[in-house]
Amino acid sequence: MGKITKIGFSAFLSELAMSSMFLVGNNVFVRALGDDGVAAFSVVCYLFPLVFMITTAIVQSAQPIISFSHGNGEYRRKIKALYLSLFVAILFSGFISVFFIFFCQQIVSLFLVRSTNAYEIAVYGVPFFATGFIFFALNMVFIGYYQSIESAGPATFFTVLRGFVLMIACFIVLPILFEIKGIWLSVPLSELLIFLAILLFYNGTRKKTI
């Protein structure tokens, strides 16, 4: 039970991190833009769980293959499954990002009346927020990979870093530097920074793993 809890703790934190994003984001938006800002951010709060769930499905589909191959010493099959899941994640998240950017008005109009200020704020900001979907999906795949090979430490560390530390830091700093645009870019930038950190760690430990 202890081993299961240790390995799965990062998955628990990933769920908690999404709630943290909504809580911190709502707080920042209401301070900067009042109720209209919160209403605009609510569009993201409704749609982001869909991205999260489909990305989680990609991760959980690859995990049994990666875990079995790792335990059986099949390094090539393990890495092949990782790369395949990364490829699928890029395709999916890239499509969603492009869809959100080019059809932003239609998507926002499902939640907000076009004549409202909240609608204008959401139409302006959702495309910025959508740029982070690719990095979010890649981060989730890598974290799931480390779970699958029983590397609970890196999986938990990167989850805490992406879901709490860097995200909150970006929500504090970016609005000061870029005002409203900075609020919308806080989550994408934190995901990008975590992806770069994971990539450096993966490249640094890959030869040792081989």
N, C-alpha and C. Protein backbone atom coordinates (compact mmCIF):
# COMPACT_ATOMS: atom_id res chain seq x y z
N MET A 1 0.82 -1.21 0.00
CA MET A 1 0.00 0.00 0.00
C MET A 1 0.86 1.26 0.00
N GLY A 2 1.95 1.18 0.76
CA GLY A 2 2.84 2.34 0.80
C GLY A 2 3.47 2.62 -0.56
N LYS A 3 3.87 1.55 -1.25
CA LYS A 3 4.49 1.71 -2.57
C LYS A 3 3.47 2.25 -3.57
N ILE A 4 2.24 1.72 -3.52
CA ILE A 4 1.19 2.18 -4.42
C ILE A 4 0.89 3.65 -4.18
N THR A 5 0.80 4.04 -2.91
CA THR A 5 0.50 5.43 -2.55
C THR A 5 1.62 6.35 -3.02
N LYS A 6 2.85 5.92 -2.85
CA LYS A 6 4.00 6.73 -3.25
C LYS A 6 4.01 6.97 -4.76
N ILE A 7 3.78 5.92 -5.53
CA ILE A 7 3.81 6.04 -6.98
C ILE A 7 2.62 6.85 -7.49
N GLY A 8 1.46 6.66 -6.88
CA GLY A 8 0.25 7.34 -7.34
C GLY A 8 0.03 8.73 -6.79
N PHE A 9 0.93 9.17 -5.90
CA PHE A 9 0.73 10.47 -5.27
C PHE A 9 0.75 11.61 -6.26
N SER A 10 1.58 11.50 -7.30
CA SER A 10 1.66 12.57 -8.30
C SER A 10 0.36 12.69 -9.08
N ALA A 11 -0.35 11.56 -9.29
CA ALA A 11 -1.64 11.61 -9.98
C ALA A 11 -2.67 12.35 -9.12
N PHE A 12 -2.63 12.10 -7.82
CA PHE A 12 -3.50 12.82 -6.90
C PHE A 12 -3.20 14.32 -6.94
N LEU A 13 -1.93 14.67 -6.95
CA LEU A 13 -1.54 16.08 -6.99
C LEU A 13 -1.95 16.74 -8.30
N SER A 14 -1.94 15.98 -9.40
CA SER A 14 -2.36 16.54 -10.69
C SER A 14 -3.82 16.97 -10.65
N GLU A 15 -4.66 16.14 -10.02
CA GLU A 15 -6.07 16.51 -9.85
C GLU A 15 -6.19 17.76 -8.98
N LEU A 16 -5.42 17.78 -7.90
CA LEU A 16 -5.46 18.92 -6.98
C LEU A 16 -4.93 20.19 -7.64
N ALA A 17 -3.94 20.03 -8.53
CA ALA A 17 -3.35 21.18 -9.19
C ALA A 17 -4.35 21.91 -10.08
N MET A 18 -5.27 21.15 -10.69
CA MET A 18 -6.28 21.78 -11.53
C MET A 18 -7.19 22.67 -10.68
N SER A 19 -7.56 22.18 -9.50
CA SER A 19 -8.37 22.99 -8.59
C SER A 19 -7.59 24.22 -8.13
N SER A 20 -6.30 24.03 -7.92
CA SER A 20 -5.44 25.15 -7.52
C SER A 20 -5.39 26.22 -8.61
N MET A 21 -5.32 25.78 -9.86
CA MET A 21 -5.30 26.72 -10.99
C MET A 21 -6.59 27.54 -11.03
N PHE A 22 -7.72 26.87 -10.85
CA PHE A 22 -9.00 27.58 -10.87
C PHE A 22 -9.10 28.56 -9.70
N LEU A 23 -8.68 28.14 -8.52
CA LEU A 23 -8.77 28.98 -7.33
C LEU A 23 -7.89 30.22 -7.45
N VAL A 24 -6.62 30.00 -7.82
CA VAL A 24 -5.69 31.13 -7.94
C VAL A 24 -6.10 32.02 -9.11
N GLY A 25 -6.48 31.41 -10.23
CA GLY A 25 -6.90 32.20 -11.39
C GLY A 25 -8.11 33.06 -11.10
N ASN A 26 -9.11 32.50 -10.43
CA ASN A 26 -10.29 33.28 -10.07
C ASN A 26 -9.92 34.47 -9.19
N ASN A 27 -9.03 34.23 -8.26
CA ASN A 27 -8.60 35.29 -7.34
C ASN A 27 -7.90 36.41 -8.09
N VAL A 28 -7.01 36.04 -9.00
CA VAL A 28 -6.26 37.05 -9.77
C VAL A 28 -7.18 37.81 -10.71
N PHE A 29 -8.08 37.11 -11.38
CA PHE A 29 -9.00 37.77 -12.32
C PHE A 29 -9.97 38.71 -11.61
N VAL A 30 -10.48 38.31 -10.46
CA VAL A 30 -11.45 39.16 -9.77
C VAL A 30 -10.77 40.42 -9.24
N ARG A 31 -9.51 40.31 -8.87
CA ARG A 31 -8.77 41.49 -8.41
C ARG A 31 -8.47 42.44 -9.57
N ALA A 32 -8.18 41.87 -10.74
CA ALA A 32 -7.79 42.71 -11.88
C ALA A 32 -8.98 43.22 -12.69
N LEU A 33 -10.00 42.37 -12.87
CA LEU A 33 -11.09 42.71 -13.78
C LEU A 33 -12.48 42.57 -13.18
N GLY A 34 -12.55 42.22 -11.91
CA GLY A 34 -13.85 42.12 -11.26
C GLY A 34 -14.64 40.91 -11.72
N ASP A 35 -15.94 41.00 -11.61
CA ASP A 35 -16.81 39.87 -11.96
C ASP A 35 -16.72 39.49 -13.43
N ASP A 36 -16.51 40.47 -14.30
CA ASP A 36 -16.37 40.16 -15.73
C ASP A 36 -15.15 39.28 -16.00
N GLY A 37 -14.08 39.55 -15.26
CA GLY A 37 -12.88 38.74 -15.42
C GLY A 37 -13.09 37.31 -14.99
N VAL A 38 -13.79 37.13 -13.87
CA VAL A 38 -14.08 35.78 -13.39
C VAL A 38 -14.99 35.05 -14.37
N ALA A 39 -15.97 35.76 -14.92
CA ALA A 39 -16.87 35.15 -15.90
C ALA A 39 -16.10 34.71 -17.14
N ALA A 40 -15.14 35.54 -17.57
CA ALA A 40 -14.32 35.17 -18.73
C ALA A 40 -13.44 33.96 -18.43
N PHE A 41 -12.87 33.94 -17.25
CA PHE A 41 -12.01 32.82 -16.87
C PHE A 41 -12.81 31.53 -16.68
N SER A 42 -14.11 31.67 -16.37
CA SER A 42 -14.95 30.49 -16.17
C SER A 42 -15.07 29.67 -17.45
N VAL A 43 -14.91 30.32 -18.61
CA VAL A 43 -14.94 29.57 -19.88
C VAL A 43 -13.80 28.54 -19.89
N VAL A 44 -12.62 28.98 -19.46
CA VAL A 44 -11.48 28.08 -19.35
C VAL A 44 -11.74 27.00 -18.31
N CYS A 45 -12.34 27.39 -17.20
CA CYS A 45 -12.62 26.43 -16.12
C CYS A 45 -13.57 25.33 -16.57
N TYR A 46 -14.48 25.65 -17.49
CA TYR A 46 -15.39 24.64 -18.02
C TYR A 46 -14.71 23.73 -19.04
N LEU A 47 -13.83 24.30 -19.85
CA LEU A 47 -13.28 23.55 -20.98
C LEU A 47 -11.98 22.83 -20.66
N PHE A 48 -11.18 23.36 -19.76
CA PHE A 48 -9.88 22.76 -19.46
C PHE A 48 -9.99 21.33 -18.93
N PRO A 49 -11.00 21.00 -18.09
CA PRO A 49 -11.13 19.60 -17.65
C PRO A 49 -11.28 18.61 -18.80
N LEU A 50 -11.87 19.04 -19.92
CA LEU A 50 -11.97 18.15 -21.09
C LEU A 50 -10.59 17.83 -21.64
N VAL A 51 -9.74 18.86 -21.73
CA VAL A 51 -8.36 18.65 -22.19
C VAL A 51 -7.63 17.75 -21.21
N PHE A 52 -7.84 17.99 -19.92
CA PHE A 52 -7.19 17.20 -18.88
C PHE A 52 -7.60 15.74 -18.96
N MET A 53 -8.88 15.48 -19.14
CA MET A 53 -9.37 14.10 -19.15
C MET A 53 -8.86 13.32 -20.36
N ILE A 54 -8.85 13.96 -21.53
CA ILE A 54 -8.38 13.25 -22.72
C ILE A 54 -6.87 13.02 -22.64
N THR A 55 -6.14 13.99 -22.12
CA THR A 55 -4.70 13.81 -21.92
C THR A 55 -4.44 12.68 -20.93
N THR A 56 -5.22 12.63 -19.86
CA THR A 56 -5.10 11.56 -18.88
C THR A 56 -5.38 10.20 -19.53
N ALA A 57 -6.33 10.16 -20.45
CA ALA A 57 -6.62 8.91 -21.16
C ALA A 57 -5.42 8.44 -21.97
N ILE A 58 -4.73 9.38 -22.61
CA ILE A 58 -3.52 9.04 -23.38
C ILE A 58 -2.46 8.47 -22.45
N VAL A 59 -2.27 9.15 -21.32
CA VAL A 59 -1.26 8.72 -20.35
C VAL A 59 -1.58 7.33 -19.81
N GLN A 60 -2.81 7.13 -19.39
CA GLN A 60 -3.18 5.85 -18.77
C GLN A 60 -3.22 4.70 -19.78
N SER A 61 -3.40 5.02 -21.05
CA SER A 61 -3.35 3.98 -22.07
C SER A 61 -1.92 3.49 -22.29
N ALA A 62 -0.96 4.39 -22.14
CA ALA A 62 0.44 4.02 -22.36
C ALA A 62 1.08 3.40 -21.12
N GLN A 63 0.57 3.74 -19.96
CA GLN A 63 1.23 3.31 -18.72
C GLN A 63 1.37 1.80 -18.57
N PRO A 64 0.34 0.99 -18.87
CA PRO A 64 0.53 -0.47 -18.71
C PRO A 64 1.64 -1.02 -19.60
N ILE A 65 1.74 -0.49 -20.83
CA ILE A 65 2.78 -0.96 -21.76
C ILE A 65 4.15 -0.55 -21.25
N ILE A 66 4.27 0.71 -20.83
CA ILE A 66 5.56 1.20 -20.33
C ILE A 66 5.97 0.45 -19.07
N SER A 67 5.02 0.26 -18.16
CA SER A 67 5.32 -0.41 -16.90
C SER A 67 5.74 -1.86 -17.12
N PHE A 68 4.99 -2.57 -17.95
CA PHE A 68 5.31 -3.98 -18.23
C PHE A 68 6.68 -4.09 -18.90
N SER A 69 6.92 -3.23 -19.90
CA SER A 69 8.19 -3.26 -20.62
C SER A 69 9.35 -2.92 -19.69
N HIS A 70 9.13 -1.98 -18.79
CA HIS A 70 10.18 -1.61 -17.83
C HIS A 70 10.52 -2.79 -16.92
N GLY A 71 9.47 -3.44 -16.39
CA GLY A 71 9.70 -4.57 -15.51
C GLY A 71 10.31 -5.77 -16.23
N ASN A 72 10.04 -5.88 -17.51
CA ASN A 72 10.54 -7.01 -18.30
C ASN A 72 11.89 -6.72 -18.96
N GLY A 73 12.41 -5.50 -18.73
CA GLY A 73 13.71 -5.15 -19.29
C GLY A 73 13.70 -4.85 -20.77
N GLU A 74 12.53 -4.56 -21.33
CA GLU A 74 12.42 -4.25 -22.76
C GLU A 74 12.52 -2.73 -22.95
N TYR A 75 13.75 -2.24 -22.99
CA TYR A 75 13.98 -0.80 -23.05
C TYR A 75 13.41 -0.18 -24.33
N ARG A 76 13.65 -0.82 -25.46
CA ARG A 76 13.20 -0.25 -26.73
C ARG A 76 11.68 -0.12 -26.78
N ARG A 77 10.98 -1.14 -26.29
CA ARG A 77 9.51 -1.10 -26.30
C ARG A 77 8.99 -0.01 -25.35
N LYS A 78 9.66 0.14 -24.24
CA LYS A 78 9.27 1.16 -23.27
C LYS A 78 9.40 2.57 -23.87
N ILE A 79 10.52 2.83 -24.50
CA ILE A 79 10.75 4.15 -25.10
C ILE A 79 9.84 4.37 -26.30
N LYS A 80 9.59 3.30 -27.05
CA LYS A 80 8.69 3.41 -28.19
C LYS A 80 7.29 3.81 -27.73
N ALA A 81 6.83 3.22 -26.63
CA ALA A 81 5.51 3.57 -26.09
C ALA A 81 5.49 5.01 -25.59
N LEU A 82 6.59 5.44 -24.97
CA LEU A 82 6.68 6.83 -24.52
C LEU A 82 6.58 7.79 -25.69
N TYR A 83 7.38 7.53 -26.74
CA TYR A 83 7.39 8.43 -27.89
C TYR A 83 6.06 8.42 -28.63
N LEU A 84 5.41 7.27 -28.68
CA LEU A 84 4.11 7.20 -29.33
C LEU A 84 3.08 8.02 -28.55
N SER A 85 3.11 7.92 -27.23
CA SER A 85 2.17 8.71 -26.43
C SER A 85 2.46 10.20 -26.53
N LEU A 86 3.73 10.57 -26.63
CA LEU A 86 4.09 11.98 -26.84
C LEU A 86 3.57 12.48 -28.18
N PHE A 87 3.70 11.64 -29.21
CA PHE A 87 3.23 12.00 -30.54
C PHE A 87 1.71 12.21 -30.56
N VAL A 88 0.98 11.28 -29.94
CA VAL A 88 -0.48 11.40 -29.88
C VAL A 88 -0.87 12.63 -29.08
N ALA A 89 -0.15 12.89 -28.00
CA ALA A 89 -0.45 14.07 -27.17
C ALA A 89 -0.24 15.36 -27.95
N ILE A 90 0.83 15.40 -28.76
CA ILE A 90 1.09 16.59 -29.57
C ILE A 90 -0.02 16.79 -30.61
N LEU A 91 -0.42 15.70 -31.26
CA LEU A 91 -1.49 15.79 -32.26
C LEU A 91 -2.78 16.30 -31.63
N PHE A 92 -3.18 15.70 -30.54
CA PHE A 92 -4.42 16.07 -29.89
C PHE A 92 -4.38 17.50 -29.38
N SER A 93 -3.36 17.82 -28.58
CA SER A 93 -3.29 19.15 -27.97
C SER A 93 -3.07 20.24 -29.02
N GLY A 94 -2.32 19.92 -30.07
CA GLY A 94 -2.12 20.88 -31.14
C GLY A 94 -3.42 21.19 -31.86
N PHE A 95 -4.20 20.16 -32.12
CA PHE A 95 -5.50 20.35 -32.76
C PHE A 95 -6.42 21.20 -31.88
N ILE A 96 -6.47 20.88 -30.59
CA ILE A 96 -7.33 21.64 -29.67
C ILE A 96 -6.87 23.10 -29.58
N SER A 97 -5.57 23.32 -29.52
CA SER A 97 -5.05 24.69 -29.46
C SER A 97 -5.46 25.49 -30.68
N VAL A 98 -5.25 24.91 -31.86
CA VAL A 98 -5.61 25.60 -33.11
C VAL A 98 -7.12 25.85 -33.15
N PHE A 99 -7.89 24.86 -32.73
CA PHE A 99 -9.35 25.00 -32.72
C PHE A 99 -9.79 26.13 -31.80
N PHE A 100 -9.19 26.20 -30.62
CA PHE A 100 -9.54 27.26 -29.66
C PHE A 100 -9.14 28.64 -30.18
N ILE A 101 -8.03 28.72 -30.90
CA ILE A 101 -7.55 30.01 -31.39
C ILE A 101 -8.42 30.52 -32.54
N PHE A 102 -8.73 29.64 -33.50
CA PHE A 102 -9.45 30.08 -34.69
C PHE A 102 -10.97 30.13 -34.51
N PHE A 103 -11.47 29.39 -33.55
CA PHE A 103 -12.92 29.38 -33.30
C PHE A 103 -13.24 29.90 -31.90
N CYS A 104 -12.42 30.81 -31.45
CA CYS A 104 -12.56 31.32 -30.09
C CYS A 104 -13.91 31.99 -29.88
N GLN A 105 -14.34 32.82 -30.82
CA GLN A 105 -15.60 33.54 -30.66
C GLN A 105 -16.78 32.59 -30.55
N GLN A 106 -16.79 31.57 -31.39
CA GLN A 106 -17.89 30.60 -31.36
C GLN A 106 -17.91 29.82 -30.05
N ILE A 107 -16.72 29.46 -29.57
CA ILE A 107 -16.64 28.71 -28.32
C ILE A 107 -17.10 29.56 -27.14
N VAL A 108 -16.61 30.78 -27.06
CA VAL A 108 -16.96 31.66 -25.95
C VAL A 108 -18.45 31.99 -25.95
N SER A 109 -19.02 32.12 -27.14
CA SER A 109 -20.44 32.46 -27.24
C SER A 109 -21.35 31.35 -26.70
N LEU A 110 -20.82 30.14 -26.53
CA LEU A 110 -21.59 29.07 -25.91
C LEU A 110 -21.82 29.32 -24.42
N PHE A 111 -20.96 30.17 -23.84
CA PHE A 111 -21.01 30.40 -22.39
C PHE A 111 -21.40 31.83 -22.03
N LEU A 112 -21.04 32.79 -22.90
CA LEU A 112 -21.26 34.20 -22.58
C LEU A 112 -21.98 34.91 -23.72
N VAL A 113 -22.79 35.88 -23.36
CA VAL A 113 -23.51 36.69 -24.35
C VAL A 113 -22.51 37.61 -25.05
N ARG A 114 -22.63 37.70 -26.38
CA ARG A 114 -21.66 38.45 -27.17
C ARG A 114 -21.57 39.94 -26.81
N SER A 115 -22.64 40.51 -26.32
CA SER A 115 -22.66 41.95 -26.05
C SER A 115 -22.04 42.32 -24.71
N THR A 116 -21.58 41.35 -23.95
CA THR A 116 -21.07 41.63 -22.60
C THR A 116 -19.56 41.89 -22.62
N ASN A 117 -19.11 42.56 -21.57
CA ASN A 117 -17.69 42.83 -21.41
C ASN A 117 -16.92 41.54 -21.14
N ALA A 118 -17.56 40.62 -20.42
CA ALA A 118 -16.92 39.34 -20.12
C ALA A 118 -16.61 38.56 -21.41
N TYR A 119 -17.50 38.66 -22.38
CA TYR A 119 -17.28 38.00 -23.67
C TYR A 119 -16.03 38.56 -24.35
N GLU A 120 -15.88 39.87 -24.34
CA GLU A 120 -14.73 40.51 -24.98
C GLU A 120 -13.43 40.10 -24.29
N ILE A 121 -13.47 40.02 -22.96
CA ILE A 121 -12.27 39.62 -22.21
C ILE A 121 -11.89 38.18 -22.55
N ALA A 122 -12.89 37.30 -22.62
CA ALA A 122 -12.63 35.89 -22.91
C ALA A 122 -12.11 35.71 -24.34
N VAL A 123 -12.71 36.40 -25.30
CA VAL A 123 -12.26 36.29 -26.69
C VAL A 123 -10.82 36.77 -26.83
N TYR A 124 -10.46 37.78 -26.07
CA TYR A 124 -9.08 38.27 -26.09
C TYR A 124 -8.12 37.27 -25.47
N GLY A 125 -8.53 36.66 -24.35
CA GLY A 125 -7.59 35.87 -23.56
C GLY A 125 -7.52 34.39 -23.84
N VAL A 126 -8.62 33.77 -24.25
CA VAL A 126 -8.62 32.32 -24.44
C VAL A 126 -7.56 31.85 -25.44
N PRO A 127 -7.34 32.55 -26.57
CA PRO A 127 -6.26 32.11 -27.47
C PRO A 127 -4.89 32.09 -26.80
N PHE A 128 -4.62 33.05 -25.92
CA PHE A 128 -3.35 33.04 -25.19
C PHE A 128 -3.26 31.81 -24.29
N PHE A 129 -4.34 31.54 -23.58
CA PHE A 129 -4.36 30.39 -22.68
C PHE A 129 -4.19 29.08 -23.45
N ALA A 130 -4.78 29.00 -24.63
CA ALA A 130 -4.75 27.77 -25.42
C ALA A 130 -3.35 27.41 -25.91
N THR A 131 -2.44 28.38 -25.94
CA THR A 131 -1.08 28.08 -26.39
C THR A 131 -0.36 27.13 -25.44
N GLY A 132 -0.87 26.98 -24.24
CA GLY A 132 -0.21 26.11 -23.27
C GLY A 132 -0.66 24.67 -23.30
N PHE A 133 -1.66 24.34 -24.11
CA PHE A 133 -2.20 22.98 -24.11
C PHE A 133 -1.16 21.94 -24.52
N ILE A 134 -0.33 22.27 -25.50
CA ILE A 134 0.67 21.31 -25.97
C ILE A 134 1.66 20.98 -24.86
N PHE A 135 2.15 22.00 -24.18
CA PHE A 135 3.13 21.76 -23.12
C PHE A 135 2.49 21.04 -21.93
N PHE A 136 1.23 21.36 -21.66
CA PHE A 136 0.52 20.65 -20.60
C PHE A 136 0.43 19.17 -20.91
N ALA A 137 0.04 18.83 -22.14
CA ALA A 137 -0.10 17.43 -22.53
C ALA A 137 1.24 16.70 -22.47
N LEU A 138 2.29 17.33 -22.95
CA LEU A 138 3.61 16.71 -22.91
C LEU A 138 4.08 16.49 -21.47
N ASN A 139 3.83 17.46 -20.61
CA ASN A 139 4.22 17.32 -19.21
C ASN A 139 3.49 16.15 -18.55
N MET A 140 2.20 16.03 -18.84
CA MET A 140 1.42 14.94 -18.26
C MET A 140 1.94 13.58 -18.73
N VAL A 141 2.33 13.49 -20.00
CA VAL A 141 2.85 12.22 -20.52
C VAL A 141 4.16 11.86 -19.83
N PHE A 142 5.04 12.82 -19.70
CA PHE A 142 6.33 12.56 -19.05
C PHE A 142 6.15 12.17 -17.58
N ILE A 143 5.26 12.88 -16.89
CA ILE A 143 5.01 12.55 -15.49
C ILE A 143 4.42 11.15 -15.36
N GLY A 144 3.50 10.81 -16.27
CA GLY A 144 2.95 9.46 -16.29
C GLY A 144 4.01 8.41 -16.58
N TYR A 145 4.96 8.78 -17.43
CA TYR A 145 6.07 7.87 -17.74
C TYR A 145 6.89 7.57 -16.49
N TYR A 146 7.22 8.61 -15.73
CA TYR A 146 8.02 8.40 -14.53
C TYR A 146 7.24 7.61 -13.47
N GLN A 147 5.93 7.79 -13.43
CA GLN A 147 5.12 6.94 -12.57
C GLN A 147 5.24 5.47 -12.98
N SER A 148 5.20 5.24 -14.28
CA SER A 148 5.18 3.87 -14.81
C SER A 148 6.48 3.13 -14.54
N ILE A 149 7.58 3.85 -14.47
CA ILE A 149 8.87 3.18 -14.23
C ILE A 149 9.28 3.28 -12.76
N GLU A 150 8.29 3.60 -11.91
CA GLU A 150 8.49 3.64 -10.45
C GLU A 150 9.44 4.73 -10.00
N SER A 151 9.56 5.79 -10.79
CA SER A 151 10.34 6.96 -10.38
C SER A 151 9.39 7.98 -9.76
N ALA A 152 8.95 7.68 -8.55
CA ALA A 152 7.94 8.51 -7.90
C ALA A 152 8.48 9.89 -7.55
N GLY A 153 9.77 9.97 -7.26
CA GLY A 153 10.37 11.25 -6.88
C GLY A 153 10.25 12.30 -7.96
N PRO A 154 10.79 12.03 -9.18
CA PRO A 154 10.65 13.01 -10.26
C PRO A 154 9.20 13.31 -10.60
N ALA A 155 8.35 12.28 -10.63
CA ALA A 155 6.94 12.50 -10.97
C ALA A 155 6.28 13.46 -9.98
N THR A 156 6.51 13.25 -8.70
CA THR A 156 5.92 14.12 -7.68
C THR A 156 6.54 15.51 -7.71
N PHE A 157 7.85 15.57 -7.88
CA PHE A 157 8.55 16.87 -7.91
C PHE A 157 8.04 17.75 -9.04
N PHE A 158 7.97 17.19 -10.24
CA PHE A 158 7.52 17.98 -11.39
C PHE A 158 6.04 18.34 -11.29
N THR A 159 5.24 17.48 -10.67
CA THR A 159 3.83 17.79 -10.49
C THR A 159 3.65 18.97 -9.53
N VAL A 160 4.39 18.96 -8.44
CA VAL A 160 4.32 20.07 -7.48
C VAL A 160 4.82 21.36 -8.13
N LEU A 161 5.89 21.23 -8.90
CA LEU A 161 6.48 22.41 -9.54
C LEU A 161 5.52 23.02 -10.55
N ARG A 162 4.88 22.18 -11.39
CA ARG A 162 3.99 22.70 -12.44
C ARG A 162 2.64 23.11 -11.90
N GLY A 163 2.14 22.37 -10.91
CA GLY A 163 0.78 22.62 -10.46
C GLY A 163 0.64 23.65 -9.37
N PHE A 164 1.74 23.97 -8.72
CA PHE A 164 1.65 24.87 -7.58
C PHE A 164 2.72 25.96 -7.62
N VAL A 165 3.98 25.58 -7.55
CA VAL A 165 5.06 26.55 -7.36
C VAL A 165 5.17 27.52 -8.53
N LEU A 166 5.46 27.00 -9.72
CA LEU A 166 5.67 27.88 -10.88
C LEU A 166 4.39 28.56 -11.33
N MET A 167 3.29 27.83 -11.27
CA MET A 167 2.02 28.42 -11.71
C MET A 167 1.65 29.63 -10.85
N ILE A 168 1.75 29.48 -9.54
CA ILE A 168 1.41 30.58 -8.64
C ILE A 168 2.39 31.73 -8.83
N ALA A 169 3.68 31.39 -9.01
CA ALA A 169 4.68 32.43 -9.25
C ALA A 169 4.37 33.22 -10.52
N CYS A 170 3.97 32.52 -11.58
CA CYS A 170 3.62 33.19 -12.84
C CYS A 170 2.38 34.06 -12.68
N PHE A 171 1.40 33.59 -11.93
CA PHE A 171 0.20 34.37 -11.69
C PHE A 171 0.51 35.66 -10.91
N ILE A 172 1.57 35.63 -10.12
CA ILE A 172 1.96 36.82 -9.35
C ILE A 172 2.78 37.79 -10.19
N VAL A 173 3.75 37.24 -10.94
CA VAL A 173 4.73 38.08 -11.64
C VAL A 173 4.23 38.60 -12.99
N LEU A 174 3.65 37.73 -13.81
CA LEU A 174 3.30 38.12 -15.18
C LEU A 174 2.28 39.25 -15.26
N PRO A 175 1.25 39.29 -14.41
CA PRO A 175 0.33 40.44 -14.48
C PRO A 175 1.01 41.78 -14.21
N ILE A 176 2.06 41.75 -13.41
CA ILE A 176 2.82 42.98 -13.14
C ILE A 176 3.56 43.42 -14.40
N LEU A 177 4.08 42.46 -15.15
CA LEU A 177 4.89 42.77 -16.33
C LEU A 177 4.04 43.03 -17.56
N PHE A 178 2.97 42.25 -17.75
CA PHE A 178 2.20 42.32 -19.00
C PHE A 178 0.72 42.59 -18.80
N GLU A 179 0.34 42.93 -17.59
CA GLU A 179 -1.05 43.27 -17.25
C GLU A 179 -2.01 42.12 -17.59
N ILE A 180 -3.10 42.39 -18.32
CA ILE A 180 -4.13 41.38 -18.56
C ILE A 180 -3.58 40.21 -19.38
N LYS A 181 -2.77 40.50 -20.37
CA LYS A 181 -2.18 39.42 -21.16
C LYS A 181 -1.35 38.50 -20.28
N GLY A 182 -0.69 39.08 -19.31
CA GLY A 182 0.14 38.29 -18.40
C GLY A 182 -0.67 37.30 -17.59
N ILE A 183 -1.89 37.67 -17.21
CA ILE A 183 -2.75 36.74 -16.46
C ILE A 183 -3.07 35.53 -17.32
N TRP A 184 -3.46 35.77 -18.56
CA TRP A 184 -3.83 34.67 -19.46
C TRP A 184 -2.63 33.79 -19.80
N LEU A 185 -1.44 34.37 -19.80
CA LEU A 185 -0.24 33.61 -20.18
C LEU A 185 0.43 32.93 -18.99
N SER A 186 -0.09 33.11 -17.80
CA SER A 186 0.56 32.55 -16.60
C SER A 186 0.64 31.03 -16.65
N VAL A 187 -0.47 30.38 -16.93
CA VAL A 187 -0.48 28.92 -16.99
C VAL A 187 0.35 28.40 -18.17
N PRO A 188 0.19 28.94 -19.39
CA PRO A 188 1.04 28.46 -20.50
C PRO A 188 2.54 28.59 -20.23
N LEU A 189 2.94 29.73 -19.64
CA LEU A 189 4.36 29.91 -19.37
C LEU A 189 4.86 28.92 -18.33
N SER A 190 4.07 28.69 -17.29
CA SER A 190 4.50 27.72 -16.27
C SER A 190 4.62 26.32 -16.87
N GLU A 191 3.70 25.96 -17.77
CA GLU A 191 3.78 24.64 -18.42
C GLU A 191 5.01 24.56 -19.32
N LEU A 192 5.33 25.64 -20.02
CA LEU A 192 6.51 25.66 -20.87
C LEU A 192 7.78 25.48 -20.04
N LEU A 193 7.88 26.20 -18.93
CA LEU A 193 9.07 26.11 -18.08
C LEU A 193 9.23 24.70 -17.51
N ILE A 194 8.12 24.09 -17.11
CA ILE A 194 8.20 22.73 -16.59
C ILE A 194 8.61 21.75 -17.68
N PHE A 195 8.08 21.95 -18.89
CA PHE A 195 8.46 21.07 -19.99
C PHE A 195 9.95 21.13 -20.25
N LEU A 196 10.51 22.33 -20.24
CA LEU A 196 11.96 22.47 -20.45
C LEU A 196 12.74 21.79 -19.34
N ALA A 197 12.26 21.92 -18.10
CA ALA A 197 12.93 21.28 -16.97
C ALA A 197 12.87 19.76 -17.09
N ILE A 198 11.70 19.23 -17.46
CA ILE A 198 11.55 17.79 -17.63
C ILE A 198 12.44 17.28 -18.76
N LEU A 199 12.50 18.04 -19.85
CA LEU A 199 13.30 17.64 -20.99
C LEU A 199 14.78 17.56 -20.62
N LEU A 200 15.25 18.55 -19.88
CA LEU A 200 16.64 18.53 -19.42
C LEU A 200 16.90 17.33 -18.51
N PHE A 201 15.96 17.07 -17.61
CA PHE A 201 16.12 15.94 -16.70
C PHE A 201 16.10 14.62 -17.46
N TYR A 202 15.18 14.49 -18.40
CA TYR A 202 15.07 13.25 -19.17
C TYR A 202 16.35 12.99 -19.98
N ASN A 203 16.83 14.03 -20.67
CA ASN A 203 18.05 13.87 -21.47
C ASN A 203 19.26 13.58 -20.58
N GLY A 204 19.27 14.16 -19.38
CA GLY A 204 20.39 13.94 -18.47
C GLY A 204 20.42 12.55 -17.86
N THR A 205 19.25 11.92 -17.72
CA THR A 205 19.19 10.61 -17.08
C THR A 205 18.99 9.46 -18.06
N ARG A 206 18.79 9.75 -19.33
CA ARG A 206 18.48 8.70 -20.30
C ARG A 206 19.63 7.72 -20.45
N LYS A 207 20.86 8.21 -20.58
CA LYS A 207 22.00 7.31 -20.78
C LYS A 207 22.20 6.42 -19.54
N LYS A 208 21.98 7.01 -18.36
CA LYS A 208 22.12 6.23 -17.14
C LYS A 208 21.09 5.11 -17.10
N THR A 209 19.86 5.42 -17.59
CA THR A 209 18.79 4.42 -17.62
C THR A 209 19.14 3.28 -18.58
N ILE A 210 19.70 3.65 -19.73
CA ILE A 210 20.11 2.62 -20.69
C ILE A 210 21.18 1.71 -20.09
